[in-house]
Amino acid sequence: MKVYLSEYIAPAARQRLADHCEIVDNFDHPEELDAIIVRRVHVSKNIIDKATKLKCISMHGVGLDTIDVAEAKAKGIPVVNVPGASAESVAELAVTLLLAVSRKIKYIDAGLQHGLFHHFGQRDTVGHEVFGKTLGLVGSGHIACKTAAIMKAAFQTQLLCYNPLETAATLKAKGFTPVPTLQDLFAASDFVSIHVPLTPETEGMIDADVLHSARPGLILVNTARGGIVDEKALYEALKSHRLGGAGLDVFADEVPSPQNPLLQLDNFIGTLHIGGSTAEALERVSQAAVDHVLTALGA
């Protein structure tokens, strides 16, 4: 049996897969594949059409936006993911980015490296506390709830949430104050953290109009998917200091070009879609993704 796997997964899980299957790292012969495991590689309609032996597409993670799920469903091929297994790690990164932007860590670190500071207590190194502020969440799934729990326990933040797919009663039961629109969420929050999948409905949802409604100085964090935030609009909001700062773990183009204007800003921090890239999360997610494949193949 042949299984496509080109991206890094936990070594123990890869070895377990190799004990049962031949691992290939390319789509040169999709007709020979019995299963596919992917993290961010795209599985297109063309590949699925040619993979006539395919019994399973296993997403190493949650988001299915890189897989043509409709085509797989039409062919009767199960597409499975691993929800919740990396929630702790992604939530920790969301909070890390929020804190780092709030305390101007990028600007101060770069300033120290380039000798820009000449005495203690310079005005431009003054950041802001997180304690007691208001966090707005876009989405209310596993990661949003983990992020909220950390922020509530550590910093006593007030928690607002926008999710039109859940009732107000459900959001309240999770400890959130429901907010009817994105504009209302941004207007009432000191920080906003995004936790929704990339779909036709969410693509570009954080646009210039939404950002214009933001409370002055708001800090935006996105550890979900690139494409949800309009990066050009975000750049303009940061450049004009309408927003206080932003931290993105995900970009519309991954890997972003070094010339991406956002990366040039002092009040912006970018990371490389590393939310789930901790040893602990990779072990959980990798083993579960391999479980799905071995079960589908009867191995």
Protein backbone atom coordinates (compact mmCIF):
# COMPACT_ATOMS: atom_id res chain seq x y z
CA MET A 1 0.00 0.00 0.00
CA LYS A 2 1.25 3.47 -0.89
CA VAL A 3 0.59 6.58 1.18
CA TYR A 4 1.45 10.13 0.14
CA LEU A 5 3.27 12.11 2.85
CA SER A 6 5.62 14.96 1.97
CA GLU A 7 5.50 17.11 5.08
CA TYR A 8 7.05 16.71 8.50
CA ILE A 9 5.08 14.77 11.10
CA ALA A 10 6.12 13.34 14.46
CA PRO A 11 8.86 10.73 13.88
CA ALA A 12 7.12 7.98 15.87
CA ALA A 13 3.95 8.39 13.83
CA ARG A 14 5.86 8.39 10.56
CA GLN A 15 7.66 5.21 11.60
CA ARG A 16 4.36 3.53 12.48
CA LEU A 17 3.05 4.44 9.03
CA ALA A 18 6.24 3.18 7.39
CA ASP A 19 5.88 -0.16 9.21
CA HIS A 20 2.65 -0.79 7.31
CA CYS A 21 2.89 1.22 4.09
CA GLU A 22 5.27 2.55 1.48
CA ILE A 23 5.57 6.32 1.91
CA VAL A 24 5.88 8.48 -1.22
CA ASP A 25 6.61 12.21 -1.24
CA ASN A 26 5.15 13.22 -4.61
CA PHE A 27 2.00 13.10 -6.73
CA ASP A 28 3.78 11.72 -9.82
CA HIS A 29 1.60 8.61 -9.82
CA PRO A 30 -1.65 9.39 -7.98
CA GLU A 31 -3.23 6.27 -9.45
CA GLU A 32 -0.97 4.20 -7.17
CA LEU A 33 -1.94 5.94 -3.94
CA ASP A 34 -4.08 4.19 -1.34
CA ALA A 35 -4.16 7.15 1.06
CA ILE A 36 -2.95 10.72 1.47
CA ILE A 37 -1.79 12.59 4.58
CA VAL A 38 -1.33 16.35 4.23
CA ARG A 39 -0.69 19.38 6.39
CA ARG A 40 -0.72 22.31 3.92
CA VAL A 41 -0.15 20.64 0.53
CA HIS A 42 -3.12 21.09 -1.81
CA VAL A 43 -5.11 18.03 -2.89
CA SER A 44 -6.85 19.17 -6.05
CA LYS A 45 -9.71 17.77 -8.10
CA ASN A 46 -7.17 16.67 -10.70
CA ILE A 47 -5.26 14.57 -8.16
CA ILE A 48 -8.43 13.07 -6.70
CA ASP A 49 -9.77 12.17 -10.15
CA LYS A 50 -6.58 10.29 -10.97
CA ALA A 51 -6.26 8.56 -7.58
CA THR A 52 -8.63 5.70 -8.40
CA LYS A 53 -7.38 3.51 -5.52
CA LEU A 54 -7.68 6.23 -2.89
CA LYS A 55 -9.42 5.13 0.31
CA CYS A 56 -8.72 8.08 2.61
CA ILE A 57 -7.48 11.68 2.71
CA SER A 58 -6.25 12.46 6.20
CA MET A 59 -5.73 16.08 7.20
CA HIS A 60 -2.95 16.53 9.74
CA GLY A 61 -4.88 19.22 11.59
CA VAL A 62 -8.31 20.82 11.38
CA GLY A 63 -8.74 23.07 8.33
CA LEU A 64 -9.82 21.41 5.09
CA ASP A 65 -9.40 24.44 2.83
CA THR A 66 -6.50 22.86 0.90
CA ILE A 67 -8.52 19.77 -0.04
CA ASP A 68 -11.23 19.56 -2.71
CA VAL A 69 -13.67 18.03 -0.25
CA ALA A 70 -16.60 18.18 -2.66
CA GLU A 71 -14.74 16.13 -5.27
CA ALA A 72 -13.61 13.60 -2.67
CA LYS A 73 -17.19 13.25 -1.45
CA ALA A 74 -18.42 12.76 -5.01
CA LYS A 75 -15.91 9.94 -5.39
CA GLY A 76 -16.88 8.38 -2.05
CA ILE A 77 -13.45 9.08 -0.51
CA PRO A 78 -13.52 9.89 3.21
CA VAL A 79 -11.80 13.13 4.24
CA VAL A 80 -10.92 13.11 7.93
CA ASN A 81 -9.26 15.64 10.20
CA VAL A 82 -8.05 15.92 13.80
CA PRO A 83 -10.09 18.58 15.60
CA GLY A 84 -8.96 19.84 18.99
CA ALA A 85 -5.66 17.98 19.25
CA SER A 86 -3.53 21.09 18.72
CA ALA A 87 -5.86 23.55 20.44
CA GLU A 88 -3.60 24.12 23.44
CA SER A 89 -0.57 24.94 21.30
CA VAL A 90 -2.43 27.26 18.92
CA ALA A 91 -4.10 29.07 21.82
CA GLU A 92 -0.73 29.55 23.52
CA LEU A 93 0.65 31.11 20.34
CA ALA A 94 -2.37 33.42 20.00
CA VAL A 95 -1.75 34.71 23.52
CA THR A 96 2.00 34.95 22.86
CA LEU A 97 1.46 37.11 19.79
CA LEU A 98 -1.04 39.30 21.64
CA LEU A 99 1.39 39.90 24.50
CA ALA A 100 4.40 40.42 22.24
CA VAL A 101 2.63 43.03 20.14
CA SER A 102 1.19 44.76 23.20
CA ARG A 103 4.67 45.13 24.70
CA LYS A 104 6.38 46.10 21.41
CA ILE A 105 8.76 43.14 21.59
CA LYS A 106 9.68 43.17 17.87
CA TYR A 107 10.46 46.88 17.88
CA ILE A 108 12.50 46.76 21.07
CA ASP A 109 14.46 43.63 20.10
CA ALA A 110 15.33 45.11 16.69
CA GLY A 111 16.26 48.41 18.35
CA LEU A 112 18.66 46.67 20.71
CA GLN A 113 20.26 44.75 17.85
CA HIS A 114 20.82 47.95 15.86
CA GLY A 115 21.86 50.23 18.72
CA LEU A 116 18.83 52.49 18.49
CA PHE A 117 18.39 52.92 22.26
CA HIS A 118 20.76 54.98 24.35
CA HIS A 119 19.16 55.06 27.78
CA PHE A 120 16.61 53.28 29.93
CA GLY A 121 12.96 54.33 29.89
CA GLN A 122 12.65 55.74 26.38
CA ARG A 123 9.12 56.84 25.57
CA ASP A 124 8.85 54.74 22.41
CA THR A 125 9.40 51.52 24.38
CA VAL A 126 6.24 51.99 26.46
CA GLY A 127 3.65 49.28 25.78
CA HIS A 128 0.28 48.41 27.29
CA GLU A 129 -1.02 46.02 29.93
CA VAL A 130 -3.38 43.22 28.97
CA PHE A 131 -4.86 42.83 32.44
CA GLY A 132 -8.55 43.67 32.73
CA LYS A 133 -8.96 44.55 29.05
CA THR A 134 -11.55 43.18 26.59
CA LEU A 135 -10.81 40.30 24.22
CA GLY A 136 -13.05 39.81 21.19
CA LEU A 137 -13.14 36.35 19.62
CA VAL A 138 -14.16 35.62 16.05
CA GLY A 139 -15.34 32.03 16.35
CA SER A 140 -16.06 29.88 19.37
CA GLY A 141 -14.51 26.48 18.72
CA HIS A 142 -11.83 24.54 20.61
CA ILE A 143 -9.01 27.03 20.04
CA ALA A 144 -11.14 30.09 20.73
CA CYS A 145 -12.28 28.57 24.03
CA LYS A 146 -8.70 27.65 25.02
CA THR A 147 -7.49 31.15 24.18
CA ALA A 148 -10.34 32.68 26.17
CA ALA A 149 -9.62 30.44 29.16
CA ILE A 150 -5.97 31.49 29.27
CA MET A 151 -6.80 35.17 28.95
CA LYS A 152 -9.56 35.00 31.56
CA ALA A 153 -7.53 33.05 34.12
CA ALA A 154 -4.27 34.96 33.70
CA PHE A 155 -5.47 38.47 32.91
CA GLN A 156 -9.13 38.66 33.97
CA THR A 157 -10.13 39.81 30.49
CA GLN A 158 -13.73 40.42 29.49
CA LEU A 159 -14.76 38.03 26.72
CA LEU A 160 -16.84 39.00 23.69
CA CYS A 161 -17.62 36.69 20.78
CA TYR A 162 -18.94 36.95 17.24
CA ASN A 163 -20.21 33.69 15.76
CA PRO A 164 -23.45 33.86 13.75
CA LEU A 165 -23.48 30.06 13.52
CA GLU A 166 -24.15 29.65 17.26
CA THR A 167 -27.02 30.93 19.35
CA ALA A 168 -26.60 33.61 21.96
CA ALA A 169 -27.49 31.05 24.62
CA THR A 170 -24.70 28.72 23.46
CA LEU A 171 -22.15 31.51 23.45
CA LYS A 172 -23.20 32.62 26.92
CA ALA A 173 -22.86 29.04 28.17
CA LYS A 174 -19.26 29.12 26.98
CA GLY A 175 -18.64 32.27 29.01
CA PHE A 176 -18.84 34.76 26.14
CA THR A 177 -20.90 37.90 25.69
CA PRO A 178 -22.42 37.58 22.18
CA VAL A 179 -21.87 40.43 19.74
CA PRO A 180 -24.14 40.74 16.67
CA THR A 181 -21.66 42.01 14.06
CA LEU A 182 -17.94 42.07 13.38
CA GLN A 183 -18.02 45.86 13.44
CA ASP A 184 -19.55 45.79 16.92
CA LEU A 185 -16.90 43.30 18.07
CA PHE A 186 -14.02 45.42 16.81
CA ALA A 187 -15.54 48.62 18.24
CA ALA A 188 -15.89 47.11 21.73
CA SER A 189 -12.60 45.16 22.01
CA ASP A 190 -9.03 45.97 22.95
CA PHE A 191 -7.83 42.78 21.30
CA VAL A 192 -9.39 40.55 18.65
CA SER A 193 -8.32 36.96 18.01
CA ILE A 194 -9.55 35.06 14.94
CA HIS A 195 -10.55 31.39 15.18
CA VAL A 196 -12.65 30.43 12.16
CA PRO A 197 -11.95 28.18 9.14
CA LEU A 198 -11.26 29.62 5.70
CA THR A 199 -14.46 29.27 3.68
CA PRO A 200 -16.14 31.33 0.93
CA GLU A 201 -18.05 33.06 3.74
CA THR A 202 -14.99 33.94 5.83
CA GLU A 203 -12.53 34.79 3.07
CA GLY A 204 -11.67 38.48 3.35
CA MET A 205 -14.19 38.99 6.16
CA ILE A 206 -11.76 41.18 8.13
CA ASP A 207 -11.75 43.96 5.55
CA ALA A 208 -11.22 47.72 5.51
CA ASP A 209 -14.74 48.38 6.74
CA VAL A 210 -14.32 46.11 9.75
CA LEU A 211 -10.88 47.49 10.56
CA HIS A 212 -12.15 51.05 10.30
CA SER A 213 -14.69 50.27 13.03
CA ALA A 214 -11.95 49.12 15.42
CA ARG A 215 -11.41 50.78 18.76
CA PRO A 216 -8.29 52.96 18.38
CA GLY A 217 -5.19 51.00 19.38
CA LEU A 218 -6.81 47.57 18.96
CA ILE A 219 -4.45 44.63 18.51
CA LEU A 220 -5.46 41.93 16.01
CA VAL A 221 -4.22 38.31 16.13
CA ASN A 222 -4.85 35.63 13.52
CA THR A 223 -3.76 32.03 14.10
CA ALA A 224 -6.54 30.55 11.94
CA ARG A 225 -6.01 30.86 8.18
CA GLY A 226 -4.51 33.38 5.81
CA GLY A 227 -7.07 34.93 3.52
CA ILE A 228 -9.52 35.70 6.31
CA VAL A 229 -7.80 39.05 6.84
CA ASP A 230 -7.44 41.50 3.96
CA GLU A 231 -3.69 42.06 4.27
CA LYS A 232 -3.67 45.29 2.24
CA ALA A 233 -6.37 46.78 4.48
CA LEU A 234 -4.51 45.55 7.55
CA TYR A 235 -1.31 47.21 6.37
CA GLU A 236 -3.08 50.53 5.91
CA ALA A 237 -4.70 50.29 9.35
CA LEU A 238 -1.34 49.54 10.99
CA LYS A 239 0.59 52.13 9.01
CA SER A 240 -1.89 54.83 9.99
CA HIS A 241 -1.88 53.55 13.60
CA ARG A 242 -5.65 53.05 13.45
CA LEU A 243 -4.72 49.66 14.92
CA GLY A 244 -2.18 49.43 17.68
CA GLY A 245 -0.62 46.31 16.22
CA ALA A 246 -1.16 42.87 14.78
CA GLY A 247 0.29 39.37 14.93
CA LEU A 248 -0.32 36.87 12.14
CA ASP A 249 0.71 33.24 12.18
CA VAL A 250 -0.96 32.76 8.79
CA PHE A 251 -0.79 34.64 5.51
CA ALA A 252 -2.64 34.58 2.20
CA ASP A 253 0.62 33.38 0.63
CA GLU A 254 2.55 30.83 2.62
CA VAL A 255 5.49 31.36 2.87
CA PRO A 256 5.06 35.18 2.63
CA SER A 257 7.62 37.08 0.61
CA PRO A 258 10.28 38.97 2.62
CA GLN A 259 9.00 42.01 0.73
CA ASN A 260 5.51 41.65 2.20
CA PRO A 261 4.80 45.20 3.46
CA LEU A 262 3.44 43.92 6.77
CA LEU A 263 6.82 42.45 7.69
CA GLN A 264 8.42 45.89 7.45
CA LEU A 265 6.24 47.39 10.20
CA ASP A 266 7.40 47.78 13.80
CA ASN A 267 3.88 47.13 15.12
CA PHE A 268 3.49 43.83 13.29
CA ILE A 269 4.79 40.35 14.18
CA GLY A 270 4.61 37.43 11.77
CA THR A 271 5.23 33.74 12.34
CA LEU A 272 5.28 30.77 9.95
CA HIS A 273 2.00 28.93 10.58
CA ILE A 274 3.56 27.39 13.68
CA GLY A 275 0.46 27.37 15.88
CA GLY A 276 0.34 23.58 16.04
CA SER A 277 4.08 23.09 15.68
CA THR A 278 4.99 22.01 19.17
CA ALA A 279 6.42 18.60 19.92
CA GLU A 280 3.40 17.76 22.06
CA ALA A 281 0.75 18.83 19.54
CA LEU A 282 2.58 17.20 16.63
CA GLU A 283 2.68 13.91 18.50
CA ARG A 284 -1.06 13.98 19.15
CA VAL A 285 -2.07 15.14 15.69
CA SER A 286 0.37 12.93 13.79
CA GLN A 287 -0.66 9.78 15.62
CA ALA A 288 -4.34 10.54 15.04
CA ALA A 289 -3.79 11.28 11.34
CA VAL A 290 -1.92 8.00 10.91
CA ASP A 291 -4.65 6.17 12.87
CA HIS A 292 -7.21 7.41 10.34
CA VAL A 293 -5.17 6.07 7.43
CA LEU A 294 -4.34 2.70 8.96
CA THR A 295 -7.98 2.18 9.89
CA ALA A 296 -9.14 3.06 6.37
CA LEU A 297 -6.59 0.66 4.87
CA GLY A 298 -7.31 -2.11 7.34
CA ALA A 299 -3.67 -2.18 8.37
